[in-house]
């Protein structure tokens, strides 16, 4: 099943951990903040959420 995440840009520090963990669902935008590009496997999204040091990702 696919899960779509939401990134809180105010909390995002642009470390890129989510992109490294789940490149199918996240990119860093021109401001250096994470942005959701689409849904990804539930496990991958949960891993990205867990890897975010700022707690900026929710599903």
C-alpha atoms as a PDB file:
ATOM      1  CA  UNK A   1       0.000   0.000   0.000  1.00  0.00           C
ATOM      2  CA  UNK A   2       1.224   3.523  -0.759  1.00  0.00           C
ATOM      3  CA  UNK A   3       1.325   6.257   1.820  1.00  0.00           C
ATOM      4  CA  UNK A   4       1.626   9.986   1.140  1.00  0.00           C
ATOM      5  CA  UNK A   5       3.690  12.056   3.533  1.00  0.00           C
ATOM      6  CA  UNK A   6       3.431  15.741   4.427  1.00  0.00           C
ATOM      7  CA  UNK A   7       6.454  17.924   5.204  1.00  0.00           C
ATOM      8  CA  UNK A   8       6.173  20.899   7.547  1.00  0.00           C
ATOM      9  CA  UNK A   9       8.480  23.382   5.770  1.00  0.00           C
ATOM     10  CA  UNK A  10       8.721  25.519   8.914  1.00  0.00           C
ATOM     11  CA  UNK A  11      10.323  22.619  10.795  1.00  0.00           C
ATOM     12  CA  UNK A  12      12.408  21.186   7.932  1.00  0.00           C
ATOM     13  CA  UNK A  13      16.147  21.855   8.262  1.00  0.00           C
ATOM     14  CA  UNK A  14      17.017  20.464   4.823  1.00  0.00           C
ATOM     15  CA  UNK A  15      19.324  17.706   6.010  1.00  0.00           C
ATOM     16  CA  UNK A  16      18.223  15.372   3.185  1.00  0.00           C
ATOM     17  CA  UNK A  17      17.758  12.259   5.333  1.00  0.00           C
ATOM     18  CA  UNK A  18      14.285  11.715   3.892  1.00  0.00           C
ATOM     19  CA  UNK A  19      15.596  12.002   0.331  1.00  0.00           C
ATOM     20  CA  UNK A  20      18.349   9.478   1.076  1.00  0.00           C
ATOM     21  CA  UNK A  21      15.869   7.125   2.751  1.00  0.00           C
ATOM     22  CA  UNK A  22      12.960   7.458   0.336  1.00  0.00           C
ATOM     23  CA  UNK A  23      13.942   9.158  -2.960  1.00  0.00           C
ATOM     24  CA  UNK A  24      10.698   8.028  -4.599  1.00  0.00           C
ATOM     25  CA  UNK A  25       8.711  10.353  -2.351  1.00  0.00           C
ATOM     26  CA  UNK A  26      11.015  13.245  -1.373  1.00  0.00           C
ATOM     27  CA  UNK A  27      13.241  15.868  -3.022  1.00  0.00           C
ATOM     28  CA  UNK A  28      14.940  19.007  -1.749  1.00  0.00           C
ATOM     29  CA  UNK A  29      13.429  22.095  -3.363  1.00  0.00           C
ATOM     30  CA  UNK A  30      15.184  25.318  -4.406  1.00  0.00           C
ATOM     31  CA  UNK A  31      15.013  26.612  -0.818  1.00  0.00           C
ATOM     32  CA  UNK A  32      16.766  23.469   0.430  1.00  0.00           C
ATOM     33  CA  UNK A  33      13.641  22.150   2.136  1.00  0.00           C
ATOM     34  CA  UNK A  34      12.148  18.702   1.693  1.00  0.00           C
ATOM     35  CA  UNK A  35       9.152  18.400  -0.572  1.00  0.00           C
ATOM     36  CA  UNK A  36       6.874  15.427  -1.213  1.00  0.00           C
ATOM     37  CA  UNK A  37       6.805  14.292  -4.831  1.00  0.00           C
ATOM     38  CA  UNK A  38       4.312  11.453  -4.437  1.00  0.00           C
ATOM     39  CA  UNK A  39       3.302   8.408  -2.455  1.00  0.00           C
ATOM     40  CA  UNK A  40       5.737   5.641  -1.572  1.00  0.00           C
ATOM     41  CA  UNK A  41       5.701   2.278   0.135  1.00  0.00           C
ATOM     42  CA  UNK A  42       4.414   2.542   3.713  1.00  0.00           C
ATOM     43  CA  UNK A  43       7.627   1.137   5.155  1.00  0.00           C
ATOM     44  CA  UNK A  44       9.794   3.611   3.249  1.00  0.00           C
ATOM     45  CA  UNK A  45       7.684   6.572   4.354  1.00  0.00           C
ATOM     46  CA  UNK A  46       7.772   5.395   7.975  1.00  0.00           C
ATOM     47  CA  UNK A  47      11.558   5.061   7.715  1.00  0.00           C
ATOM     48  CA  UNK A  48      11.803   8.615   6.338  1.00  0.00           C
ATOM     49  CA  UNK A  49       9.633   9.898   9.194  1.00  0.00           C
ATOM     50  CA  UNK A  50      11.874   8.146  11.711  1.00  0.00           C
ATOM     51  CA  UNK A  51      15.028   9.491  10.057  1.00  0.00           C
ATOM     52  CA  UNK A  52      13.948  13.161  10.192  1.00  0.00           C
ATOM     53  CA  UNK A  53      15.914  14.853  12.989  1.00  0.00           C
ATOM     54  CA  UNK A  54      13.537  17.842  12.969  1.00  0.00           C
ATOM     55  CA  UNK A  55      10.331  15.797  13.143  1.00  0.00           C
ATOM     56  CA  UNK A  56       9.063  17.653  10.082  1.00  0.00           C
ATOM     57  CA  UNK A  57       7.394  14.709   8.314  1.00  0.00           C
ATOM     58  CA  UNK A  58       3.955  13.252   8.969  1.00  0.00           C
ATOM     59  CA  UNK A  59       1.873  10.698   7.116  1.00  0.00           C
END
